[in-house]
Protein backbone atom coordinates (compact mmCIF):
# COMPACT_ATOMS: atom_id res chain seq x y z
CA MET A 1 108.88 101.40 84.18
CA LEU A 2 109.49 100.82 87.89
CA GLU A 3 109.92 104.56 88.51
CA THR A 4 106.43 105.17 87.05
CA TYR A 5 104.10 104.17 89.84
CA SER A 6 101.05 102.40 88.47
CA PRO A 7 98.73 100.73 91.02
CA SER A 8 95.50 99.22 89.49
CA GLY A 9 93.31 102.10 88.07
CA SER A 10 96.30 104.49 87.72
CA GLU A 11 98.20 103.13 84.75
CA ALA A 12 97.79 106.13 82.36
CA SER A 13 101.23 107.61 82.71
CA LEU A 14 102.90 104.13 82.18
CA ALA A 15 100.60 103.49 79.19
CA THR A 16 101.71 106.68 77.53
CA MET A 17 105.40 105.88 78.09
CA LEU A 18 104.94 102.30 76.74
CA LYS A 19 103.07 103.36 73.69
CA THR A 20 105.95 105.65 72.68
CA GLU A 21 108.60 103.03 73.55
CA MET A 22 106.73 100.40 71.57
CA LYS A 23 106.73 102.72 68.55
CA SER A 24 110.45 103.26 68.79
CA LEU A 25 110.92 99.37 68.79
CA GLY A 26 108.90 99.02 65.63
CA PHE A 27 105.42 98.27 66.82
CA ASP A 28 102.29 99.97 65.44
CA SER A 29 100.97 101.03 68.88
CA ARG A 30 97.89 102.70 70.31
CA ILE A 31 95.91 103.04 73.54
CA ASP A 32 92.41 101.55 73.47
CA GLU A 33 89.20 102.64 75.26
CA ALA A 34 90.02 100.48 78.29
CA GLY A 35 93.39 102.08 78.75
CA ASN A 36 95.34 99.05 77.43
CA VAL A 37 98.40 99.64 75.16
CA ILE A 38 98.11 97.58 71.91
CA GLY A 39 101.04 96.98 69.69
CA THR A 40 101.20 94.86 66.43
CA ALA A 41 104.11 93.68 64.28
CA GLY A 42 104.46 91.13 61.56
CA GLU A 43 102.15 90.48 58.63
CA GLU A 44 102.37 86.79 57.97
CA GLY A 45 102.00 83.32 59.67
CA PRO A 46 99.97 82.42 62.74
CA GLU A 47 99.12 85.11 65.31
CA ILE A 48 100.66 85.08 68.73
CA LEU A 49 99.21 87.19 71.56
CA LEU A 50 101.78 88.55 74.06
CA CYS A 51 100.03 89.84 77.15
CA GLY A 52 101.53 91.59 80.23
CA HIS A 53 100.01 93.82 82.86
CA MET A 54 100.98 97.43 83.70
CA ASP A 55 99.37 97.67 87.14
CA THR A 56 100.75 96.69 90.44
CA VAL A 57 99.40 96.31 93.96
CA PRO A 58 99.49 99.59 95.99
CA GLY A 59 102.61 100.65 97.97
CA GLU A 60 105.69 102.25 96.46
CA ILE A 61 109.24 100.81 96.92
CA ALA A 62 112.24 102.99 96.37
CA VAL A 63 113.84 102.03 93.02
CA ARG A 64 117.43 101.07 93.41
CA LEU A 65 120.15 98.84 92.02
CA GLU A 66 121.87 96.91 94.78
CA ASN A 67 124.23 93.86 94.48
CA GLU A 68 122.99 93.08 90.86
CA PHE A 69 119.33 93.26 91.94
CA LEU A 70 116.93 95.89 90.83
CA TYR A 71 114.31 96.82 93.47
CA GLY A 72 110.95 98.49 92.97
CA ARG A 73 107.15 97.96 93.03
CA GLY A 74 106.47 95.63 90.14
CA ALA A 75 110.02 94.33 89.71
CA VAL A 76 108.63 90.80 90.13
CA ASP A 77 104.84 91.26 89.44
CA ALA A 78 105.05 91.90 86.66
CA LYS A 79 106.90 94.88 84.92
CA SER A 80 110.11 92.88 84.29
CA SER A 81 108.07 90.22 82.57
CA LEU A 82 106.29 92.91 80.45
CA ALA A 83 109.58 94.55 79.61
CA THR A 84 111.35 91.31 78.57
CA MET A 85 108.39 90.39 76.45
CA LEU A 86 108.29 93.68 74.68
CA ILE A 87 112.08 93.81 73.96
CA GLY A 88 112.29 90.12 73.13
CA ALA A 89 109.32 90.24 70.85
CA SER A 90 110.64 93.27 68.97
CA ARG A 91 113.86 91.51 68.22
CA ALA A 92 112.06 88.38 66.89
CA LEU A 93 108.93 89.85 65.22
CA LEU A 94 110.91 92.48 63.33
CA ASP A 95 113.23 89.80 61.89
CA SER A 96 112.11 88.94 58.35
CA LYS A 97 112.99 85.31 59.04
CA THR A 98 110.33 85.02 61.74
CA PRO A 99 106.99 84.52 60.01
CA LEU A 100 104.61 85.35 62.97
CA ARG A 101 102.04 88.01 63.45
CA GLY A 102 102.45 89.45 66.95
CA ARG A 103 99.84 91.36 69.06
CA LEU A 104 101.48 92.67 72.23
CA VAL A 105 99.02 94.04 74.84
CA CYS A 106 99.86 95.82 77.99
CA VAL A 107 96.74 95.57 80.02
CA VAL A 108 95.20 97.38 83.04
CA LYS A 109 93.67 96.11 86.22
CA GLU A 110 94.98 92.60 86.22
CA GLU A 111 95.53 92.80 90.02
CA THR A 112 91.84 93.78 90.56
CA THR A 113 89.09 93.10 88.05
CA SER A 114 90.95 91.92 84.89
CA GLU A 115 88.96 94.59 83.13
CA GLY A 116 91.79 95.19 80.69
CA PHE A 117 92.15 91.68 79.29
CA ARG A 118 88.40 91.14 79.35
CA SER A 119 88.18 94.06 76.97
CA VAL A 120 90.87 92.63 74.70
CA LEU A 121 89.00 89.30 74.58
CA GLU A 122 85.69 91.05 73.69
CA LYS A 123 87.14 93.01 70.83
CA GLY A 124 90.00 90.92 69.41
CA SER A 125 90.08 87.68 67.46
CA MET A 126 91.50 84.58 69.16
CA PRO A 127 95.15 83.97 68.43
CA HIS A 128 96.80 80.59 67.73
CA PHE A 129 99.20 81.00 70.63
CA ALA A 130 99.43 83.23 73.73
CA ILE A 131 102.20 84.03 76.27
CA PHE A 132 101.45 85.95 79.45
CA GLY A 133 104.16 87.86 81.27
CA GLU A 134 104.23 86.55 84.74
CA PRO A 135 107.21 85.61 87.07
CA SER A 136 108.09 82.02 86.45
CA GLY A 137 111.83 82.14 86.94
CA LEU A 138 114.32 81.86 84.10
CA THR A 139 114.16 78.12 83.65
CA ASN A 140 110.43 77.54 84.30
CA MET A 141 107.20 78.07 82.26
CA ILE A 142 103.73 78.11 83.74
CA ILE A 143 101.20 75.87 82.02
CA GLY A 144 98.31 75.99 84.45
CA TYR A 145 96.47 78.26 86.97
CA LYS A 146 93.76 77.29 89.37
CA GLY A 147 90.36 78.87 88.94
CA ARG A 148 88.86 81.29 91.51
CA ILE A 149 85.52 82.13 93.08
CA HIS A 150 85.07 85.27 95.10
CA LEU A 151 82.09 84.54 97.29
CA GLN A 152 79.92 86.67 99.62
CA ILE A 153 77.88 84.92 102.23
CA ASP A 154 75.26 86.94 104.23
CA CYS A 155 73.97 85.45 107.51
CA ALA A 156 70.79 87.04 108.80
CA THR A 157 69.15 86.56 112.23
CA GLU A 158 66.55 88.49 114.19
CA GLY A 159 69.23 90.08 116.46
CA GLY A 160 68.44 91.70 119.72
CA HIS A 161 69.82 93.42 122.80
CA SER A 162 73.24 92.28 123.89
CA ALA A 163 72.14 92.26 127.54
CA SER A 164 70.05 89.15 126.80
CA PRO A 165 72.21 86.95 124.56
CA TRP A 166 70.44 83.79 125.58
CA LEU A 167 67.23 85.05 123.90
CA TYR A 168 68.55 85.56 120.39
CA ARG A 169 70.66 83.90 117.61
CA ASN A 170 73.86 85.81 116.95
CA SER A 171 74.52 86.20 113.18
CA ALA A 172 78.27 86.47 113.84
CA GLU A 173 78.41 83.27 115.69
CA GLU A 174 76.15 81.42 113.27
CA ALA A 175 78.17 82.73 110.29
CA TYR A 176 81.40 81.57 111.83
CA ARG A 177 79.97 78.14 112.59
CA PHE A 178 78.77 77.90 109.02
CA TRP A 179 82.24 78.80 107.77
CA LEU A 180 83.74 75.97 109.78
CA LEU A 181 81.18 73.52 108.42
CA LEU A 182 81.97 74.74 104.87
CA ARG A 183 85.77 74.40 105.38
CA GLU A 184 85.33 70.83 106.59
CA SER A 185 82.88 69.91 103.88
CA ILE A 186 84.44 71.45 100.71
CA LEU A 187 88.02 72.69 101.24
CA GLU A 188 91.01 70.36 100.99
CA ASN A 189 93.72 72.75 102.24
CA GLU A 190 95.74 69.86 103.71
CA ALA A 191 95.71 67.76 100.54
CA ALA A 192 99.07 66.64 99.23
CA SER A 193 98.54 68.24 95.86
CA LYS A 194 97.33 71.74 96.36
CA PHE A 195 96.90 72.27 92.59
CA GLU A 196 94.63 69.27 92.24
CA SER A 197 92.38 70.27 95.24
CA VAL A 198 89.67 72.72 96.05
CA THR A 199 91.29 75.20 98.51
CA GLY A 200 90.28 78.46 99.95
CA SER A 201 90.18 80.86 102.89
CA LEU A 202 87.99 83.22 104.84
CA THR A 203 89.16 86.67 103.78
CA GLY A 204 86.62 88.88 105.60
CA MET A 205 83.96 88.96 108.27
CA ALA A 206 81.92 92.09 109.04
CA THR A 207 78.85 92.78 111.19
CA SER A 208 76.32 95.58 111.07
CA GLY A 209 74.32 97.31 113.90
CA PRO A 210 75.13 99.23 117.12
CA GLU A 211 77.81 97.88 119.47
CA ASN A 212 75.28 97.14 122.20
CA SER A 213 73.21 94.91 120.00
CA ILE A 214 73.57 91.27 118.90
CA PRO A 215 74.27 91.54 115.26
CA SER A 216 71.38 90.69 112.93
CA LEU A 217 73.61 90.54 109.70
CA THR A 218 77.05 89.24 109.26
CA ARG A 219 78.83 89.18 105.89
CA LEU A 220 81.54 86.65 105.03
CA THR A 221 83.89 86.99 102.07
CA LEU A 222 85.61 83.77 100.87
CA ASP A 223 88.27 83.15 98.27
CA VAL A 224 88.06 79.64 96.84
CA ARG A 225 90.54 78.24 94.38
CA LEU A 226 89.57 75.46 91.88
CA PRO A 227 91.55 72.61 90.34
CA PRO A 228 91.31 71.47 86.70
CA ASN A 229 88.03 69.80 85.86
CA THR A 230 86.21 71.68 88.54
CA GLY A 231 84.11 74.59 87.42
CA PRO A 232 82.82 77.42 89.50
CA ARG A 233 79.18 76.41 89.01
CA GLU A 234 79.80 73.06 90.57
CA VAL A 235 81.36 74.47 93.71
CA VAL A 236 78.86 77.19 94.06
CA GLY A 237 76.13 74.63 93.91
CA ARG A 238 77.64 72.69 96.74
CA VAL A 239 77.97 75.87 98.89
CA GLU A 240 74.31 76.71 98.21
CA SER A 241 73.23 73.19 99.18
CA ILE A 242 75.24 73.27 102.49
CA ALA A 243 73.77 76.78 103.18
CA GLN A 244 70.24 75.65 102.66
CA SER A 245 70.72 72.59 104.85
CA TYR A 246 72.20 74.74 107.65
CA SER A 247 69.34 77.15 107.47
CA ASP A 248 66.83 74.24 107.65
CA GLN A 249 68.53 72.81 110.76
CA HIS A 250 68.85 76.24 112.52
CA PRO A 251 65.53 78.00 112.54
CA GLY A 252 65.87 81.72 112.50
CA VAL A 253 69.17 81.71 110.47
CA ARG A 254 68.98 82.78 106.83
CA LEU A 255 72.07 82.25 104.62
CA SER A 256 72.41 83.68 101.12
CA THR A 257 75.25 83.17 98.70
CA ILE A 258 76.40 85.86 96.21
CA VAL A 259 79.08 85.23 93.59
CA LYS A 260 81.05 88.37 93.26
CA ASP A 261 83.35 86.99 90.53
CA SER A 262 84.61 83.70 89.17
CA VAL A 263 87.10 82.46 86.59
CA PRO A 264 87.52 78.81 85.53
CA PRO A 265 90.86 76.94 85.95
CA TYR A 266 93.23 76.77 82.97
CA LEU A 267 95.56 73.85 82.24
CA GLY A 268 97.47 73.91 78.91
CA ASP A 269 98.78 71.07 76.77
CA ALA A 270 102.23 70.08 78.01
CA HIS A 271 103.01 68.74 74.55
CA SER A 272 102.01 71.71 72.51
CA LYS A 273 104.18 73.47 69.96
CA LEU A 274 104.33 76.50 72.10
CA VAL A 275 105.60 74.61 75.06
CA ALA A 276 108.20 72.86 72.88
CA ALA A 277 109.39 76.21 71.60
CA CYS A 278 109.78 77.72 75.01
CA ARG A 279 111.46 74.59 76.32
CA GLY A 280 114.03 74.78 73.52
CA ALA A 281 114.63 78.49 74.04
CA ILE A 282 115.26 78.05 77.81
CA ARG A 283 117.64 75.24 77.13
CA ARG A 284 119.66 77.19 74.53
CA VAL A 285 119.85 80.33 76.64
CA SER A 286 120.39 78.88 80.08
CA GLY A 287 121.91 75.54 79.28
CA ARG A 288 119.46 73.99 81.94
CA VAL A 289 116.60 71.63 81.73
CA PRO A 290 113.27 73.57 81.77
CA SER A 291 110.46 72.86 84.18
CA MET A 292 106.71 73.18 83.65
CA VAL A 293 104.95 74.70 86.67
CA LYS A 294 101.29 74.71 87.72
CA LYS A 295 100.32 77.72 89.96
CA THR A 296 97.77 77.75 92.73
CA GLY A 297 97.08 81.42 91.95
CA THR A 298 94.97 82.89 89.13
CA GLY A 299 95.83 85.11 86.24
CA ASP A 300 94.49 86.59 83.00
CA MET A 301 95.43 83.32 81.23
CA ASN A 302 92.31 81.77 82.98
CA LEU A 303 90.09 84.06 80.79
CA LEU A 304 91.21 82.46 77.49
CA ARG A 305 88.59 80.67 75.44
CA SER A 306 89.30 77.17 74.36
CA GLY A 307 91.34 76.72 71.22
CA THR A 308 94.36 78.79 72.14
CA SER A 309 97.69 77.24 73.32
CA ALA A 310 99.03 79.33 76.21
CA ILE A 311 101.85 79.52 78.67
CA ALA A 312 103.09 82.23 81.17
CA TYR A 313 106.81 83.20 81.41
CA GLY A 314 108.93 85.79 82.86
CA PRO A 315 111.91 86.53 85.22
CA GLY A 316 111.51 86.73 89.00
CA ASP A 317 110.76 84.76 92.17
CA SER A 318 107.00 84.84 92.62
CA ARG A 319 107.48 84.42 96.41
CA LEU A 320 108.40 88.10 96.38
CA ASP A 321 105.01 89.20 94.67
CA HIS A 322 103.26 91.95 96.60
CA THR A 323 106.00 92.27 99.23
CA ASP A 324 108.21 95.25 100.12
CA GLN A 325 111.27 93.14 98.97
CA GLU A 326 110.35 92.97 95.31
CA ARG A 327 113.56 92.69 93.26
CA ILE A 328 114.73 91.24 90.00
CA SER A 329 118.18 89.78 89.13
CA VAL A 330 119.66 91.90 86.25
CA ASP A 331 121.20 88.76 84.82
CA GLU A 332 118.02 86.83 84.83
CA TYR A 333 116.17 89.80 83.37
CA LEU A 334 118.57 90.03 80.39
CA LYS A 335 118.57 86.27 79.74
CA SER A 336 114.75 86.25 79.85
CA ILE A 337 114.72 88.67 76.95
CA GLU A 338 116.78 86.11 75.02
CA VAL A 339 114.33 83.38 75.89
CA TYR A 340 111.38 85.40 74.57
CA ALA A 341 113.13 86.16 71.29
CA GLU A 342 114.31 82.62 70.85
CA THR A 343 110.88 81.18 71.67
CA LEU A 344 109.19 83.19 68.99
CA LYS A 345 111.88 82.28 66.34
CA LEU A 346 111.58 78.53 67.21
CA LEU A 347 107.80 78.80 67.15
CA SER A 348 107.76 80.37 63.69
CA ARG A 349 109.77 77.43 62.38
CA MET A 350 107.16 74.89 63.67
CA THR A 351 104.39 76.42 61.51
CA VAL A 352 103.11 75.37 58.05
CA PRO A 353 101.26 77.88 55.74
CA GLU A 354 98.13 75.88 55.05
CA ILE A 355 96.90 75.52 58.62
CA GLY A 356 99.14 77.83 60.56
CA LEU A 357 100.40 75.16 62.97
CA ALA A 358 102.90 72.41 62.80
CA ALA A 359 101.57 69.01 61.69
């Protein structure tokens, strides 16, 4: 998988390989219209969705095994998680003693638009449980992700000749002043709990017009992360209110806010049957006490509708995500396969036929 380079939008070769591999492991597999690979196994009991992404960020890394670590683009984010999920699930779901129906999906474009998983949600029924393949480390499971808003803010002024800057308002200067006001008014980047706070950053600033003119249009791009119980609409409303106030106080400055994309935060139930099953599996495989982790990032899990119990799990150190040092411990990878298999087996024992979930 690591040797098959698959940046977002170029997953087709890996999808073909995984479709064949999934069939050999006992799944009924196909590639859907979006380019996702869908595999199913098991015919009774509650349905569990297992979701991992095939794409990576751009930039190849030479695949090599060195000092018990396997290097390569996607070794951490998140081909190792997808591989452990696939192999672990095949061991459990094809065991006649594990009454679960599994739908394993290998999705495209998680690193960019989440188009792959959005397509799965539109066309598939909601499962009872869901596990997402993301790097958590052997003894951790992820139960929450912050939400995200991708904002574009356009600042327009009359502009003018750069030889007479005292005559005109500069859209670049005004846009940056507005960003500083916004940062002070809304963002809590210095808060003690980063997961429980609204955080964010200025990720882009571009002007238009010739170099010898005061810019009349400056575009800001912002990445804002949302804690639980804070929806995108609430934060966007606050941004728009501050923008309107700024424009009112600065004649000749027009600010407009455009939401390019948004996803709500997700926080699962720490006492769910799925969490209990994964905790038990980690303890059995590693002999260590599991930890529940809340991430300040955002993943496909955020797109789940209410009513599904979900976690994310997989081998790897997420601090190596998107770096040129992506590597996975072979021992951790192999033990994570056991955790997946054991989690599904334990989860199947917690179900009851009449409602599909443990009482």
